[in-house]
């Protein structure tokens, strides 16, 4: 499994704002924020095509094209695996098209732990395009301490937001 590996700690910094807001043995909160030089509508459209911007290095299948995001309540951020397998990364809980998307679930190696998470993604128009922000809060039992994995999760989410920003800006 490649998702959320320790190599995420080595990501280069960029224009994105990122922060591990809080962490302890049983959970953490990370926040990401990035300026997108595109309209909120184009940013939303890009967000919903997750296979175009999510890094293949952070998938189970090794192929971003296997990722889908169904933006309806109960929808799935899912991945197809070889031989008919699949992974549910997160479940869609709230959708305000073009403005907000809330998902629940445990990303990457957290899937194998007794952890749940809430990811709140917001899209807001501003003077230079769109502010895209994310909060991801987790809670539960993480073998080896949630505080230890929080920086890696933050790094992976930062990378994905930067990739989304780049794709939206090109569309």
N, C-alpha and C. Protein backbone atom coordinates (compact mmCIF):
# COMPACT_ATOMS: atom_id res chain seq x y z
N UNK A 1 0.83 -1.17 0.00
CA UNK A 1 0.00 0.00 0.00
C UNK A 1 0.88 1.24 0.00
N UNK A 2 0.56 2.18 -0.89
CA UNK A 2 1.38 3.37 -1.04
C UNK A 2 0.76 4.60 -0.38
N UNK A 3 -0.52 4.54 -0.07
CA UNK A 3 -1.24 5.72 0.41
C UNK A 3 -0.70 6.22 1.73
N UNK A 4 -0.44 7.52 1.81
CA UNK A 4 0.00 8.19 3.03
C UNK A 4 1.28 7.59 3.62
N UNK A 5 2.26 7.40 2.79
CA UNK A 5 3.52 6.83 3.25
C UNK A 5 4.37 7.85 3.97
N UNK A 6 5.37 7.37 4.67
CA UNK A 6 6.26 8.28 5.40
C UNK A 6 6.99 9.22 4.47
N UNK A 7 7.12 8.85 3.21
CA UNK A 7 7.80 9.74 2.27
C UNK A 7 7.06 11.06 2.11
N UNK A 8 5.79 11.11 2.50
CA UNK A 8 5.04 12.36 2.43
C UNK A 8 5.69 13.44 3.29
N UNK A 9 6.44 13.04 4.29
CA UNK A 9 7.11 14.01 5.15
C UNK A 9 8.16 14.80 4.40
N UNK A 10 8.61 14.28 3.26
CA UNK A 10 9.69 14.91 2.51
C UNK A 10 9.19 15.85 1.43
N UNK A 11 7.87 16.10 1.37
CA UNK A 11 7.32 16.96 0.34
C UNK A 11 7.88 18.38 0.45
N UNK A 12 8.13 18.97 -0.68
CA UNK A 12 8.61 20.34 -0.68
C UNK A 12 7.48 21.29 -0.31
N UNK A 13 7.81 22.38 0.32
CA UNK A 13 6.79 23.36 0.67
C UNK A 13 6.42 24.16 -0.56
N UNK A 14 5.23 24.77 -0.52
CA UNK A 14 4.77 25.54 -1.66
C UNK A 14 3.86 26.65 -1.19
N UNK A 15 3.09 27.17 -2.11
CA UNK A 15 2.20 28.28 -1.82
C UNK A 15 1.01 27.88 -0.96
N UNK A 16 0.81 26.62 -0.75
CA UNK A 16 -0.31 26.18 0.07
C UNK A 16 -0.02 26.45 1.53
N UNK A 17 -1.07 26.77 2.26
CA UNK A 17 -0.96 26.93 3.71
C UNK A 17 -1.38 25.61 4.33
N UNK A 18 -0.56 25.09 5.24
CA UNK A 18 -0.85 23.79 5.84
C UNK A 18 -0.51 23.83 7.31
N UNK A 19 -1.23 23.03 8.07
CA UNK A 19 -0.97 23.05 9.49
C UNK A 19 -1.57 21.82 10.16
N UNK A 20 -0.79 21.22 11.07
CA UNK A 20 -1.35 20.24 11.99
C UNK A 20 -1.86 21.10 13.15
N UNK A 21 -3.17 21.25 13.23
CA UNK A 21 -3.79 22.15 14.20
C UNK A 21 -3.65 21.60 15.61
N UNK A 22 -3.92 20.31 15.76
CA UNK A 22 -3.76 19.66 17.05
C UNK A 22 -3.58 18.17 16.82
N UNK A 23 -2.97 17.51 17.81
CA UNK A 23 -2.79 16.07 17.70
C UNK A 23 -2.51 15.50 19.09
N UNK A 24 -2.90 14.25 19.26
CA UNK A 24 -2.55 13.49 20.46
C UNK A 24 -2.52 12.02 20.07
N UNK A 25 -2.45 11.13 21.02
CA UNK A 25 -2.33 9.71 20.72
C UNK A 25 -3.53 9.16 19.96
N UNK A 26 -4.69 9.81 20.08
CA UNK A 26 -5.92 9.24 19.53
C UNK A 26 -6.55 10.04 18.40
N UNK A 27 -5.91 11.06 17.92
CA UNK A 27 -6.49 11.81 16.82
C UNK A 27 -5.69 13.05 16.48
N UNK A 28 -6.15 13.73 15.44
CA UNK A 28 -5.50 14.96 15.02
C UNK A 28 -6.44 15.75 14.13
N UNK A 29 -6.08 17.02 13.93
CA UNK A 29 -6.75 17.86 12.95
C UNK A 29 -5.69 18.52 12.11
N UNK A 30 -5.87 18.44 10.79
CA UNK A 30 -5.00 19.15 9.86
C UNK A 30 -5.86 20.09 9.03
N UNK A 31 -5.26 21.20 8.64
CA UNK A 31 -5.96 22.16 7.77
C UNK A 31 -5.07 22.49 6.59
N UNK A 32 -5.69 22.64 5.46
CA UNK A 32 -5.00 23.02 4.23
C UNK A 32 -5.76 24.18 3.61
N UNK A 33 -5.05 25.06 2.94
CA UNK A 33 -5.67 26.16 2.23
C UNK A 33 -4.79 26.52 1.05
N UNK A 34 -5.41 26.73 -0.09
CA UNK A 34 -4.65 27.06 -1.28
C UNK A 34 -5.47 28.04 -2.14
N UNK A 35 -4.77 28.95 -2.77
CA UNK A 35 -5.40 29.87 -3.70
C UNK A 35 -5.46 29.20 -5.07
N UNK A 36 -6.64 29.19 -5.67
CA UNK A 36 -6.82 28.62 -7.00
C UNK A 36 -7.13 29.76 -7.96
N UNK A 37 -6.39 29.84 -9.05
CA UNK A 37 -6.60 30.90 -10.02
C UNK A 37 -7.62 30.44 -11.06
N UNK A 38 -8.82 30.19 -10.54
CA UNK A 38 -9.96 29.77 -11.36
C UNK A 38 -11.22 30.12 -10.59
N UNK A 39 -12.33 30.10 -11.27
CA UNK A 39 -13.61 30.41 -10.62
C UNK A 39 -14.01 29.30 -9.66
N UNK A 40 -14.90 29.60 -8.71
CA UNK A 40 -15.41 28.53 -7.84
C UNK A 40 -16.06 27.39 -8.63
N UNK A 41 -16.78 27.72 -9.70
CA UNK A 41 -17.44 26.67 -10.50
C UNK A 41 -16.41 25.74 -11.14
N UNK A 42 -15.35 26.30 -11.68
CA UNK A 42 -14.30 25.48 -12.29
C UNK A 42 -13.52 24.70 -11.22
N UNK A 43 -13.31 25.31 -10.08
CA UNK A 43 -12.64 24.61 -8.98
C UNK A 43 -13.47 23.42 -8.53
N UNK A 44 -14.78 23.62 -8.39
CA UNK A 44 -15.69 22.52 -8.01
C UNK A 44 -15.65 21.41 -9.06
N UNK A 45 -15.74 21.78 -10.32
CA UNK A 45 -15.72 20.78 -11.39
C UNK A 45 -14.43 19.97 -11.34
N UNK A 46 -13.32 20.64 -11.10
CA UNK A 46 -12.04 19.94 -11.00
C UNK A 46 -12.01 19.03 -9.78
N UNK A 47 -12.50 19.52 -8.65
CA UNK A 47 -12.55 18.72 -7.41
C UNK A 47 -13.29 17.41 -7.64
N UNK A 48 -14.39 17.47 -8.35
CA UNK A 48 -15.22 16.27 -8.52
C UNK A 48 -14.60 15.23 -9.44
N UNK A 49 -13.61 15.61 -10.21
CA UNK A 49 -12.89 14.68 -11.09
C UNK A 49 -11.57 14.28 -10.42
N UNK A 50 -11.68 13.63 -9.28
CA UNK A 50 -10.54 13.34 -8.40
C UNK A 50 -9.43 12.54 -9.11
N UNK A 51 -9.78 11.71 -10.05
CA UNK A 51 -8.78 10.92 -10.77
C UNK A 51 -7.85 11.76 -11.63
N UNK A 52 -8.21 13.01 -11.89
CA UNK A 52 -7.37 13.90 -12.71
C UNK A 52 -6.28 14.59 -11.89
N UNK A 53 -6.46 14.67 -10.57
CA UNK A 53 -5.49 15.43 -9.79
C UNK A 53 -4.90 14.68 -8.59
N UNK A 54 -5.52 13.63 -8.11
CA UNK A 54 -4.97 12.88 -6.97
C UNK A 54 -3.74 12.11 -7.44
N UNK A 55 -2.69 12.14 -6.67
CA UNK A 55 -1.44 11.49 -7.04
C UNK A 55 -1.57 9.96 -7.04
N UNK A 56 -1.11 9.34 -8.10
CA UNK A 56 -1.13 7.87 -8.18
C UNK A 56 -0.27 7.24 -7.09
N UNK A 57 0.72 7.96 -6.61
CA UNK A 57 1.58 7.44 -5.54
C UNK A 57 0.82 7.24 -4.23
N UNK A 58 -0.35 7.86 -4.13
CA UNK A 58 -1.15 7.76 -2.90
C UNK A 58 -2.48 7.06 -3.19
N UNK A 59 -2.37 5.97 -3.94
CA UNK A 59 -3.52 5.10 -4.21
C UNK A 59 -3.12 3.67 -3.88
N UNK A 60 -4.11 2.81 -3.74
CA UNK A 60 -3.83 1.39 -3.54
C UNK A 60 -3.49 0.71 -4.86
N UNK A 61 -4.11 1.17 -5.95
CA UNK A 61 -3.92 0.53 -7.25
C UNK A 61 -2.73 1.07 -8.02
N UNK A 62 -2.21 2.22 -7.61
CA UNK A 62 -1.12 2.84 -8.35
C UNK A 62 -1.59 3.62 -9.56
N UNK A 63 -2.93 3.83 -9.69
CA UNK A 63 -3.49 4.53 -10.85
C UNK A 63 -4.58 5.51 -10.40
N UNK A 64 -4.32 6.78 -10.59
CA UNK A 64 -5.30 7.81 -10.23
C UNK A 64 -6.60 7.64 -11.00
N UNK A 65 -6.52 7.13 -12.22
CA UNK A 65 -7.71 6.95 -13.04
C UNK A 65 -8.72 6.00 -12.40
N UNK A 66 -8.29 5.22 -11.42
CA UNK A 66 -9.19 4.29 -10.73
C UNK A 66 -10.00 4.96 -9.62
N UNK A 67 -9.77 6.25 -9.38
CA UNK A 67 -10.48 6.98 -8.34
C UNK A 67 -11.74 7.64 -8.88
N UNK A 68 -12.80 7.63 -8.08
CA UNK A 68 -14.04 8.32 -8.42
C UNK A 68 -14.58 9.02 -7.18
N UNK A 69 -15.36 10.07 -7.41
CA UNK A 69 -16.01 10.80 -6.33
C UNK A 69 -17.42 11.12 -6.76
N UNK A 70 -18.38 10.52 -6.09
CA UNK A 70 -19.80 10.76 -6.36
C UNK A 70 -20.30 11.82 -5.39
N UNK A 71 -20.58 13.02 -5.89
CA UNK A 71 -20.91 14.15 -5.02
C UNK A 71 -22.40 14.26 -4.73
N UNK A 72 -22.93 13.21 -4.12
CA UNK A 72 -24.29 13.20 -3.57
C UNK A 72 -24.18 12.60 -2.18
N UNK A 73 -25.09 13.00 -1.28
CA UNK A 73 -25.07 12.41 0.06
C UNK A 73 -25.13 10.89 -0.07
N UNK A 74 -24.23 10.21 0.62
CA UNK A 74 -24.12 8.76 0.52
C UNK A 74 -23.20 8.31 -0.59
N UNK A 75 -22.71 9.26 -1.39
CA UNK A 75 -21.80 8.95 -2.48
C UNK A 75 -20.44 8.50 -1.95
N UNK A 76 -19.62 8.03 -2.85
CA UNK A 76 -18.36 7.41 -2.45
C UNK A 76 -17.16 8.07 -3.11
N UNK A 77 -16.11 8.29 -2.32
CA UNK A 77 -14.77 8.55 -2.83
C UNK A 77 -14.14 7.18 -2.82
N UNK A 78 -14.13 6.53 -3.97
CA UNK A 78 -13.77 5.12 -4.07
C UNK A 78 -12.67 4.89 -5.08
N UNK A 79 -12.11 3.70 -5.03
CA UNK A 79 -11.04 3.29 -5.94
C UNK A 79 -11.28 1.86 -6.40
N UNK A 80 -11.19 1.67 -7.71
CA UNK A 80 -11.26 0.32 -8.27
C UNK A 80 -9.89 -0.33 -8.16
N UNK A 81 -9.89 -1.61 -7.80
CA UNK A 81 -8.66 -2.38 -7.71
C UNK A 81 -8.67 -3.47 -8.77
N UNK A 82 -7.51 -4.02 -9.10
CA UNK A 82 -7.46 -5.12 -10.06
C UNK A 82 -8.31 -6.31 -9.60
N UNK A 83 -8.72 -7.09 -10.52
CA UNK A 83 -9.49 -8.32 -10.27
C UNK A 83 -10.83 -8.06 -9.58
N UNK A 84 -11.40 -6.86 -9.81
CA UNK A 84 -12.73 -6.57 -9.29
C UNK A 84 -12.78 -6.04 -7.88
N UNK A 85 -11.64 -5.81 -7.25
CA UNK A 85 -11.63 -5.27 -5.89
C UNK A 85 -11.93 -3.79 -5.86
N UNK A 86 -12.11 -3.26 -4.67
CA UNK A 86 -12.36 -1.83 -4.52
C UNK A 86 -12.05 -1.38 -3.09
N UNK A 87 -11.90 -0.06 -2.94
CA UNK A 87 -11.65 0.57 -1.65
C UNK A 87 -12.59 1.75 -1.52
N UNK A 88 -13.26 1.87 -0.38
CA UNK A 88 -14.00 3.08 -0.05
C UNK A 88 -13.08 3.93 0.82
N UNK A 89 -12.58 5.02 0.25
CA UNK A 89 -11.71 5.91 1.02
C UNK A 89 -12.53 6.77 1.97
N UNK A 90 -13.62 7.34 1.45
CA UNK A 90 -14.49 8.18 2.27
C UNK A 90 -15.91 8.13 1.72
N UNK A 91 -16.86 8.49 2.57
CA UNK A 91 -18.27 8.55 2.22
C UNK A 91 -18.72 10.01 2.25
N UNK A 92 -19.48 10.44 1.24
CA UNK A 92 -19.97 11.80 1.15
C UNK A 92 -21.15 11.97 2.11
N UNK A 93 -21.07 13.01 2.96
CA UNK A 93 -22.10 13.27 3.96
C UNK A 93 -22.90 14.53 3.68
N UNK A 94 -22.28 15.52 3.04
CA UNK A 94 -22.94 16.81 2.81
C UNK A 94 -22.40 17.40 1.52
N UNK A 95 -23.31 17.92 0.69
CA UNK A 95 -22.92 18.54 -0.57
C UNK A 95 -23.69 19.85 -0.76
N UNK A 96 -22.96 20.93 -0.95
CA UNK A 96 -23.51 22.21 -1.37
C UNK A 96 -22.71 22.55 -2.63
N UNK A 97 -23.19 22.13 -3.82
CA UNK A 97 -22.40 22.22 -5.05
C UNK A 97 -21.75 23.58 -5.25
N UNK A 98 -20.47 23.53 -5.55
CA UNK A 98 -19.71 24.73 -5.80
C UNK A 98 -19.22 25.44 -4.55
N UNK A 99 -19.65 24.96 -3.36
CA UNK A 99 -19.31 25.66 -2.13
C UNK A 99 -18.70 24.77 -1.05
N UNK A 100 -19.28 23.59 -0.84
CA UNK A 100 -18.83 22.78 0.30
C UNK A 100 -19.09 21.30 0.07
N UNK A 101 -18.14 20.49 0.53
CA UNK A 101 -18.24 19.04 0.46
C UNK A 101 -17.70 18.47 1.77
N UNK A 102 -18.51 17.65 2.45
CA UNK A 102 -18.07 17.02 3.69
C UNK A 102 -18.07 15.51 3.48
N UNK A 103 -16.93 14.89 3.81
CA UNK A 103 -16.78 13.44 3.67
C UNK A 103 -16.39 12.85 5.02
N UNK A 104 -16.74 11.58 5.22
CA UNK A 104 -16.34 10.89 6.45
C UNK A 104 -15.58 9.63 6.08
N UNK A 105 -14.60 9.30 6.90
CA UNK A 105 -13.84 8.08 6.68
C UNK A 105 -12.39 8.23 7.07
N UNK A 106 -11.66 7.16 6.90
CA UNK A 106 -10.27 7.09 7.30
C UNK A 106 -9.40 6.87 6.06
N UNK A 107 -8.55 7.84 5.77
CA UNK A 107 -7.69 7.76 4.59
C UNK A 107 -6.47 6.88 4.83
N UNK A 108 -6.00 6.25 3.75
CA UNK A 108 -4.74 5.53 3.76
C UNK A 108 -4.63 4.48 4.83
N UNK A 109 -3.51 4.46 5.54
CA UNK A 109 -3.30 3.43 6.55
C UNK A 109 -4.26 3.55 7.74
N UNK A 110 -4.94 4.70 7.87
CA UNK A 110 -5.93 4.84 8.94
C UNK A 110 -7.11 3.91 8.71
N UNK A 111 -7.31 3.48 7.48
CA UNK A 111 -8.39 2.54 7.16
C UNK A 111 -8.26 1.25 7.96
N UNK A 112 -7.04 0.86 8.26
CA UNK A 112 -6.79 -0.38 8.99
C UNK A 112 -6.75 -0.20 10.50
N UNK A 113 -7.03 1.00 10.95
CA UNK A 113 -7.04 1.30 12.38
C UNK A 113 -8.50 1.51 12.80
N UNK A 114 -8.73 1.66 14.08
CA UNK A 114 -10.07 1.94 14.60
C UNK A 114 -10.24 3.45 14.67
N UNK A 115 -10.31 4.08 13.47
CA UNK A 115 -10.32 5.53 13.35
C UNK A 115 -11.45 5.96 12.44
N UNK A 116 -12.04 7.09 12.75
CA UNK A 116 -12.96 7.73 11.83
C UNK A 116 -12.48 9.16 11.62
N UNK A 117 -12.91 9.76 10.54
CA UNK A 117 -12.48 11.12 10.24
C UNK A 117 -13.58 11.89 9.55
N UNK A 118 -13.49 13.21 9.63
CA UNK A 118 -14.40 14.11 8.93
C UNK A 118 -13.55 15.10 8.15
N UNK A 119 -13.78 15.15 6.84
CA UNK A 119 -13.08 16.08 5.97
C UNK A 119 -14.09 17.10 5.46
N UNK A 120 -13.82 18.36 5.71
CA UNK A 120 -14.69 19.46 5.31
C UNK A 120 -13.94 20.31 4.30
N UNK A 121 -14.42 20.31 3.05
CA UNK A 121 -13.79 21.06 1.96
C UNK A 121 -14.68 22.24 1.61
N UNK A 122 -14.10 23.44 1.58
CA UNK A 122 -14.86 24.65 1.27
C UNK A 122 -14.23 25.40 0.10
N UNK A 123 -15.10 25.95 -0.72
CA UNK A 123 -14.70 26.72 -1.90
C UNK A 123 -15.31 28.10 -1.76
N UNK A 124 -14.44 29.14 -1.75
CA UNK A 124 -14.93 30.49 -1.56
C UNK A 124 -14.31 31.43 -2.59
N UNK A 125 -15.16 32.18 -3.26
CA UNK A 125 -14.70 33.17 -4.24
C UNK A 125 -13.97 34.29 -3.51
N UNK A 126 -12.87 34.74 -4.11
CA UNK A 126 -12.17 35.91 -3.58
C UNK A 126 -11.68 36.76 -4.74
N UNK A 127 -10.92 37.81 -4.45
CA UNK A 127 -10.52 38.78 -5.47
C UNK A 127 -9.61 38.21 -6.56
N UNK A 128 -8.90 37.12 -6.30
CA UNK A 128 -7.99 36.56 -7.31
C UNK A 128 -8.41 35.17 -7.79
N UNK A 129 -9.64 34.79 -7.52
CA UNK A 129 -10.12 33.48 -7.97
C UNK A 129 -10.90 32.80 -6.87
N UNK A 130 -10.29 31.76 -6.29
CA UNK A 130 -10.99 30.93 -5.32
C UNK A 130 -10.05 30.51 -4.20
N UNK A 131 -10.56 30.55 -2.99
CA UNK A 131 -9.83 30.00 -1.84
C UNK A 131 -10.41 28.62 -1.59
N UNK A 132 -9.56 27.60 -1.66
CA UNK A 132 -9.95 26.22 -1.43
C UNK A 132 -9.37 25.82 -0.09
N UNK A 133 -10.22 25.41 0.85
CA UNK A 133 -9.72 25.04 2.17
C UNK A 133 -10.28 23.69 2.60
N UNK A 134 -9.54 23.06 3.49
CA UNK A 134 -9.88 21.72 3.95
C UNK A 134 -9.54 21.61 5.43
N UNK A 135 -10.40 20.94 6.16
CA UNK A 135 -10.12 20.54 7.53
C UNK A 135 -10.36 19.04 7.60
N UNK A 136 -9.41 18.29 8.14
CA UNK A 136 -9.57 16.85 8.30
C UNK A 136 -9.29 16.51 9.76
N UNK A 137 -10.33 16.03 10.44
CA UNK A 137 -10.25 15.68 11.86
C UNK A 137 -10.43 14.18 11.99
N UNK A 138 -9.57 13.54 12.78
CA UNK A 138 -9.69 12.11 13.02
C UNK A 138 -9.74 11.83 14.51
N UNK A 139 -10.32 10.69 14.83
CA UNK A 139 -10.38 10.26 16.22
C UNK A 139 -10.47 8.75 16.27
N UNK A 140 -9.82 8.14 17.26
CA UNK A 140 -9.89 6.70 17.43
C UNK A 140 -8.57 6.15 17.94
N UNK A 141 -8.37 4.88 17.69
CA UNK A 141 -7.14 4.22 18.10
C UNK A 141 -6.22 4.06 16.90
N UNK A 142 -5.04 4.63 16.99
CA UNK A 142 -4.03 4.49 15.95
C UNK A 142 -2.85 3.76 16.57
N UNK A 143 -2.59 2.55 16.08
CA UNK A 143 -1.44 1.80 16.58
C UNK A 143 -0.19 2.63 16.34
N UNK A 144 0.53 2.92 17.38
CA UNK A 144 1.75 3.70 17.24
C UNK A 144 1.56 5.18 17.46
N UNK A 145 0.34 5.67 17.74
CA UNK A 145 0.10 7.06 18.12
C UNK A 145 -0.28 7.94 16.93
N UNK A 146 -1.47 8.53 16.98
CA UNK A 146 -1.96 9.41 15.91
C UNK A 146 -1.07 10.64 15.74
N UNK A 147 -0.49 11.12 16.82
CA UNK A 147 0.39 12.30 16.73
C UNK A 147 1.54 12.04 15.75
N UNK A 148 2.03 10.81 15.70
CA UNK A 148 3.16 10.47 14.84
C UNK A 148 2.80 10.49 13.35
N UNK A 149 1.56 10.16 13.00
CA UNK A 149 1.18 10.10 11.59
C UNK A 149 0.59 11.41 11.08
N UNK A 150 0.20 12.31 11.97
CA UNK A 150 -0.43 13.57 11.56
C UNK A 150 0.40 14.37 10.55
N UNK A 151 1.71 14.55 10.73
CA UNK A 151 2.48 15.29 9.73
C UNK A 151 2.47 14.64 8.34
N UNK A 152 2.48 13.32 8.30
CA UNK A 152 2.45 12.63 7.00
C UNK A 152 1.10 12.84 6.32
N UNK A 153 0.01 12.74 7.07
CA UNK A 153 -1.32 12.98 6.50
C UNK A 153 -1.39 14.42 6.00
N UNK A 154 -0.92 15.35 6.79
CA UNK A 154 -0.91 16.75 6.39
C UNK A 154 -0.12 16.94 5.09
N UNK A 155 1.03 16.31 4.98
CA UNK A 155 1.84 16.43 3.77
C UNK A 155 1.16 15.87 2.54
N UNK A 156 0.50 14.72 2.69
CA UNK A 156 -0.20 14.12 1.56
C UNK A 156 -1.38 14.99 1.14
N UNK A 157 -2.15 15.48 2.08
CA UNK A 157 -3.28 16.34 1.73
C UNK A 157 -2.82 17.65 1.12
N UNK A 158 -1.71 18.20 1.59
CA UNK A 158 -1.15 19.40 0.99
C UNK A 158 -0.80 19.13 -0.47
N UNK A 159 -0.14 18.01 -0.72
CA UNK A 159 0.23 17.66 -2.09
C UNK A 159 -1.00 17.56 -2.98
N UNK A 160 -2.05 16.94 -2.50
CA UNK A 160 -3.26 16.77 -3.31
C UNK A 160 -3.90 18.12 -3.61
N UNK A 161 -3.95 19.00 -2.62
CA UNK A 161 -4.55 20.32 -2.83
C UNK A 161 -3.74 21.13 -3.83
N UNK A 162 -2.43 21.04 -3.78
CA UNK A 162 -1.60 21.74 -4.75
C UNK A 162 -1.85 21.19 -6.16
N UNK A 163 -1.99 19.88 -6.27
CA UNK A 163 -2.27 19.27 -7.57
C UNK A 163 -3.64 19.70 -8.08
N UNK A 164 -4.64 19.74 -7.20
CA UNK A 164 -5.98 20.19 -7.58
C UNK A 164 -5.94 21.64 -8.04
N UNK A 165 -5.23 22.49 -7.32
CA UNK A 165 -5.10 23.88 -7.69
C UNK A 165 -4.49 24.03 -9.09
N UNK A 166 -3.46 23.25 -9.36
CA UNK A 166 -2.81 23.31 -10.67
C UNK A 166 -3.75 22.86 -11.78
N UNK A 167 -4.50 21.79 -11.56
CA UNK A 167 -5.43 21.28 -12.57
C UNK A 167 -6.55 22.29 -12.81
N UNK A 168 -7.13 22.82 -11.75
CA UNK A 168 -8.23 23.79 -11.89
C UNK A 168 -7.77 25.04 -12.62
N UNK A 169 -6.54 25.47 -12.34
CA UNK A 169 -5.99 26.65 -13.00
C UNK A 169 -5.73 26.45 -14.48
N UNK A 170 -5.58 25.20 -14.91
CA UNK A 170 -5.34 24.88 -16.33
C UNK A 170 -6.63 24.68 -17.09
N UNK A 171 -7.67 24.22 -16.40
CA UNK A 171 -8.94 23.89 -17.09
C UNK A 171 -9.59 25.10 -17.71
